[in-house]
């Protein structure tokens, strides 16, 4: 951890079953200092492997597992792969825009996504209040990247906007759509970062043993935080 973070107070949760690897136990370290709850401090914490859930800032702190590795995309070095270029071409008629609030029909899309993809997850059954507590943050500039096809909402990517970076927080989309909308949302977030001159797009934690996360490593050039050093 960088020297300016060594004095922050950390609390540890109890261990419980891991949400991603069912044969593991997980617990997290939580940043307790109220002074950390601002955009500038959170950007430093992101660079040190932390994430947020609602207003809570946390980092995996498991006893016998180091599988979670923070991953970020270097925007100046970013180059879509051949498959990603093909996906962008197929989606050339799509439109995307960032909004401060989600469209009125977001919950129908979110419900379909959860019921099709995460029926065994912690977000099931889908509820508006729980999603608001999970996604919203009182001290961050959180916006919602909307993706439209023929003026129909097909995806929403919750995106934290920071001074020199953006953080892909959570994405939901039409589960029946033939294109890879999750990948497409990251490509649109990267486009936003290019347009705004951002250095980094943080993509959360990568767990190699979890197949659902493997799409993240296909974005180049990405970096992983290993032993508190970004490598890539």
Protein backbone atom coordinates (compact mmCIF):
# COMPACT_ATOMS: atom_id res chain seq x y z
CA UNK A 1 0.00 0.00 0.00
CA UNK A 2 1.30 3.48 -0.78
CA UNK A 3 2.76 5.47 2.11
CA UNK A 4 -0.13 7.93 2.25
CA UNK A 5 -2.55 5.09 3.06
CA UNK A 6 -0.57 3.27 5.70
CA UNK A 7 -2.27 5.08 8.57
CA UNK A 8 -5.91 4.54 7.61
CA UNK A 9 -8.05 2.46 9.94
CA UNK A 10 -9.15 -0.92 8.62
CA UNK A 11 -11.86 -3.21 9.93
CA UNK A 12 -12.15 -6.90 9.04
CA UNK A 13 -15.41 -8.74 8.47
CA UNK A 14 -16.02 -12.30 9.60
CA UNK A 15 -15.25 -15.05 7.10
CA UNK A 16 -18.14 -16.43 5.06
CA UNK A 17 -18.64 -18.48 1.92
CA UNK A 18 -17.10 -16.89 -1.14
CA UNK A 19 -19.56 -15.50 -3.69
CA UNK A 20 -17.38 -16.61 -6.62
CA UNK A 21 -15.51 -19.77 -5.53
CA UNK A 22 -17.87 -22.00 -3.59
CA UNK A 23 -15.08 -24.04 -2.01
CA UNK A 24 -13.45 -20.97 -0.43
CA UNK A 25 -14.08 -18.63 2.48
CA UNK A 26 -13.89 -14.89 2.02
CA UNK A 27 -13.62 -11.83 4.19
CA UNK A 28 -12.88 -8.22 3.39
CA UNK A 29 -11.01 -5.29 4.88
CA UNK A 30 -13.16 -2.16 5.17
CA UNK A 31 -11.75 1.38 5.17
CA UNK A 32 -13.18 3.05 8.28
CA UNK A 33 -11.88 6.61 8.01
CA UNK A 34 -14.60 9.07 6.96
CA UNK A 35 -11.89 11.19 5.30
CA UNK A 36 -11.50 8.44 2.70
CA UNK A 37 -15.09 8.96 1.56
CA UNK A 38 -14.41 11.44 -1.21
CA UNK A 39 -13.51 11.17 -4.89
CA UNK A 40 -9.83 12.08 -4.56
CA UNK A 41 -9.15 9.62 -1.74
CA UNK A 42 -11.16 6.88 -3.39
CA UNK A 43 -9.11 7.24 -6.56
CA UNK A 44 -5.98 6.57 -4.49
CA UNK A 45 -7.70 3.60 -2.85
CA UNK A 46 -8.68 2.20 -6.26
CA UNK A 47 -5.02 2.32 -7.24
CA UNK A 48 -4.31 0.24 -4.13
CA UNK A 49 -6.82 -2.49 -4.89
CA UNK A 50 -9.92 -1.25 -3.07
CA UNK A 51 -13.46 -1.13 -4.47
CA UNK A 52 -16.78 0.07 -3.13
CA UNK A 53 -20.22 -1.34 -2.46
CA UNK A 54 -22.65 1.48 -1.86
CA UNK A 55 -20.76 3.89 0.42
CA UNK A 56 -18.53 1.14 1.83
CA UNK A 57 -14.93 0.88 0.64
CA UNK A 58 -13.47 -2.61 0.86
CA UNK A 59 -10.69 -4.91 -0.29
CA UNK A 60 -10.46 -8.74 -0.20
CA UNK A 61 -8.53 -9.92 2.85
CA UNK A 62 -8.95 -13.70 2.79
CA UNK A 63 -6.91 -15.96 5.05
CA UNK A 64 -5.94 -18.66 2.55
CA UNK A 65 -6.69 -17.26 -0.89
CA UNK A 66 -5.20 -14.59 -3.13
CA UNK A 67 -7.35 -15.26 -6.20
CA UNK A 68 -8.90 -11.78 -6.39
CA UNK A 69 -6.65 -9.41 -8.30
CA UNK A 70 -7.63 -5.83 -9.11
CA UNK A 71 -7.52 -5.16 -12.85
CA UNK A 72 -7.37 -1.89 -14.74
CA UNK A 73 -7.12 -0.85 -18.36
CA UNK A 74 -4.44 1.62 -19.43
CA UNK A 75 -6.44 3.94 -21.67
CA UNK A 76 -3.52 5.50 -23.61
CA UNK A 77 -2.30 1.98 -24.42
CA UNK A 78 -5.72 0.51 -25.12
CA UNK A 79 -6.26 -1.18 -28.48
CA UNK A 80 -9.40 -3.24 -29.18
CA UNK A 81 -8.71 -6.81 -30.23
CA UNK A 82 -9.87 -8.17 -33.56
CA UNK A 83 -12.96 -9.70 -31.95
CA UNK A 84 -13.71 -6.47 -30.10
CA UNK A 85 -13.44 -4.48 -33.33
CA UNK A 86 -15.90 -6.89 -34.94
CA UNK A 87 -18.26 -6.42 -32.02
CA UNK A 88 -18.04 -2.64 -32.34
CA UNK A 89 -18.77 -2.89 -36.05
CA UNK A 90 -21.87 -5.01 -35.39
CA UNK A 91 -22.97 -2.43 -32.84
CA UNK A 92 -22.19 0.56 -35.06
CA UNK A 93 -25.84 1.66 -35.03
CA UNK A 94 -26.09 1.50 -31.24
CA UNK A 95 -26.08 4.71 -29.24
CA UNK A 96 -24.69 5.26 -25.77
CA UNK A 97 -24.78 8.15 -23.34
CA UNK A 98 -23.99 8.85 -19.70
CA UNK A 99 -26.84 10.05 -17.51
CA UNK A 100 -27.08 11.10 -13.88
CA UNK A 101 -30.18 8.95 -13.42
CA UNK A 102 -31.39 5.74 -15.02
CA UNK A 103 -34.28 5.70 -17.47
CA UNK A 104 -37.70 4.85 -16.07
CA UNK A 105 -37.71 1.38 -17.62
CA UNK A 106 -34.38 0.30 -16.08
CA UNK A 107 -35.89 -2.04 -13.51
CA UNK A 108 -37.59 -4.25 -16.09
CA UNK A 109 -34.25 -4.72 -17.84
CA UNK A 110 -32.44 -5.30 -14.55
CA UNK A 111 -35.02 -7.87 -13.41
CA UNK A 112 -34.74 -9.84 -16.62
CA UNK A 113 -30.96 -9.84 -16.32
CA UNK A 114 -30.92 -11.04 -12.70
CA UNK A 115 -33.54 -13.72 -13.29
CA UNK A 116 -31.68 -15.05 -16.34
CA UNK A 117 -28.08 -14.80 -15.16
CA UNK A 118 -27.94 -14.59 -11.36
CA UNK A 119 -30.84 -16.52 -9.91
CA UNK A 120 -28.47 -18.06 -7.34
CA UNK A 121 -26.71 -14.79 -6.54
CA UNK A 122 -27.04 -12.29 -3.71
CA UNK A 123 -29.03 -9.86 -5.90
CA UNK A 124 -31.91 -12.33 -6.37
CA UNK A 125 -34.77 -11.62 -6.21
CA UNK A 126 -34.32 -8.24 -7.92
CA UNK A 127 -35.43 -5.30 -5.77
CA UNK A 128 -35.16 -1.58 -6.48
CA UNK A 129 -34.22 -0.60 -2.93
CA UNK A 130 -31.44 -3.17 -2.65
CA UNK A 131 -29.97 -2.16 -6.00
CA UNK A 132 -30.03 1.50 -4.98
CA UNK A 133 -28.18 0.72 -1.73
CA UNK A 134 -25.65 -1.35 -3.68
CA UNK A 135 -25.00 1.01 -6.58
CA UNK A 136 -25.44 4.54 -5.27
CA UNK A 137 -22.81 6.49 -3.38
CA UNK A 138 -23.32 9.80 -1.62
CA UNK A 139 -19.76 11.06 -2.08
CA UNK A 140 -18.94 9.98 -5.65
CA UNK A 141 -19.87 11.18 -9.11
CA UNK A 142 -21.67 8.02 -10.19
CA UNK A 143 -23.29 8.02 -13.62
CA UNK A 144 -25.16 5.49 -15.71
CA UNK A 145 -24.01 4.61 -19.20
CA UNK A 146 -27.13 3.75 -21.21
CA UNK A 147 -26.86 1.68 -24.39
CA UNK A 148 -29.69 1.86 -26.94
CA UNK A 149 -30.55 -0.14 -30.04
CA UNK A 150 -33.25 1.47 -32.17
CA UNK A 151 -34.02 3.74 -29.20
CA UNK A 152 -34.64 0.71 -26.97
CA UNK A 153 -32.63 0.41 -23.76
CA UNK A 154 -30.56 -2.78 -23.87
CA UNK A 155 -27.82 -2.19 -21.27
CA UNK A 156 -26.85 0.02 -18.33
CA UNK A 157 -23.31 0.29 -16.95
CA UNK A 158 -22.99 1.97 -13.55
CA UNK A 159 -19.80 4.03 -13.82
CA UNK A 160 -17.91 5.98 -11.17
CA UNK A 161 -16.28 9.08 -12.66
CA UNK A 162 -13.05 10.26 -11.04
CA UNK A 163 -10.42 12.87 -11.82
CA UNK A 164 -7.97 10.71 -13.79
CA UNK A 165 -9.95 7.50 -14.14
CA UNK A 166 -13.33 5.82 -14.32
CA UNK A 167 -14.45 2.69 -12.53
CA UNK A 168 -16.78 0.13 -14.10
CA UNK A 169 -18.96 -0.65 -11.09
CA UNK A 170 -21.78 -2.90 -12.35
CA UNK A 171 -23.45 -3.68 -15.67
CA UNK A 172 -26.78 -5.28 -16.51
CA UNK A 173 -28.24 -5.91 -19.95
CA UNK A 174 -30.76 -7.73 -22.09
CA UNK A 175 -29.92 -11.40 -21.38
CA UNK A 176 -31.44 -12.53 -24.69
CA UNK A 177 -29.43 -10.21 -26.91
CA UNK A 178 -27.16 -12.03 -29.40
CA UNK A 179 -24.20 -9.67 -28.90
CA UNK A 180 -21.83 -9.59 -25.93
CA UNK A 181 -23.32 -6.54 -24.25
CA UNK A 182 -21.10 -6.76 -21.18
CA UNK A 183 -17.99 -6.52 -23.33
CA UNK A 184 -19.60 -3.78 -25.39
CA UNK A 185 -20.34 -1.73 -22.27
CA UNK A 186 -16.64 -1.83 -21.31
CA UNK A 187 -15.68 -0.75 -24.83
CA UNK A 188 -18.06 2.21 -24.56
CA UNK A 189 -16.68 3.07 -21.12
CA UNK A 190 -13.18 2.98 -22.63
CA UNK A 191 -14.37 5.28 -25.42
CA UNK A 192 -15.63 7.71 -22.79
CA UNK A 193 -12.25 7.59 -21.03
CA UNK A 194 -10.47 8.31 -24.31
CA UNK A 195 -12.75 11.27 -25.01
CA UNK A 196 -12.23 12.68 -21.51
CA UNK A 197 -8.46 12.07 -21.37
CA UNK A 198 -8.63 9.57 -18.50
CA UNK A 199 -5.60 7.44 -17.68
CA UNK A 200 -7.33 4.37 -16.28
CA UNK A 201 -10.52 2.35 -16.47
CA UNK A 202 -10.82 0.10 -13.42
CA UNK A 203 -12.62 -3.18 -14.13
CA UNK A 204 -12.92 -4.61 -10.63
CA UNK A 205 -11.44 -7.91 -9.51
CA UNK A 206 -10.26 -10.67 -11.79
CA UNK A 207 -10.56 -14.27 -10.57
CA UNK A 208 -9.00 -16.64 -13.09
CA UNK A 209 -10.88 -19.64 -11.69
CA UNK A 210 -14.21 -17.90 -12.30
CA UNK A 211 -15.17 -18.29 -16.00
CA UNK A 212 -17.71 -15.45 -15.86
CA UNK A 213 -14.86 -12.99 -15.27
CA UNK A 214 -12.51 -14.09 -18.01
CA UNK A 215 -13.80 -11.48 -20.47
CA UNK A 216 -11.87 -8.84 -18.50
CA UNK A 217 -8.44 -10.13 -19.46
CA UNK A 218 -9.27 -9.79 -23.15
CA UNK A 219 -8.92 -6.00 -22.89
CA UNK A 220 -5.41 -4.86 -23.72
CA UNK A 221 -3.35 -3.43 -22.33
CA UNK A 222 -4.57 -4.29 -18.89
CA UNK A 223 -2.67 -4.39 -15.63
CA UNK A 224 -3.14 -6.56 -12.55
CA UNK A 225 -2.31 -5.61 -8.98
CA UNK A 226 -0.05 -8.41 -7.72
CA UNK A 227 1.66 -8.06 -4.32
CA UNK A 228 0.71 -4.37 -4.34
CA UNK A 229 2.46 -3.75 -7.67
CA UNK A 230 0.64 -3.16 -10.95
CA UNK A 231 1.92 -5.59 -13.56
CA UNK A 232 1.06 -5.89 -17.22
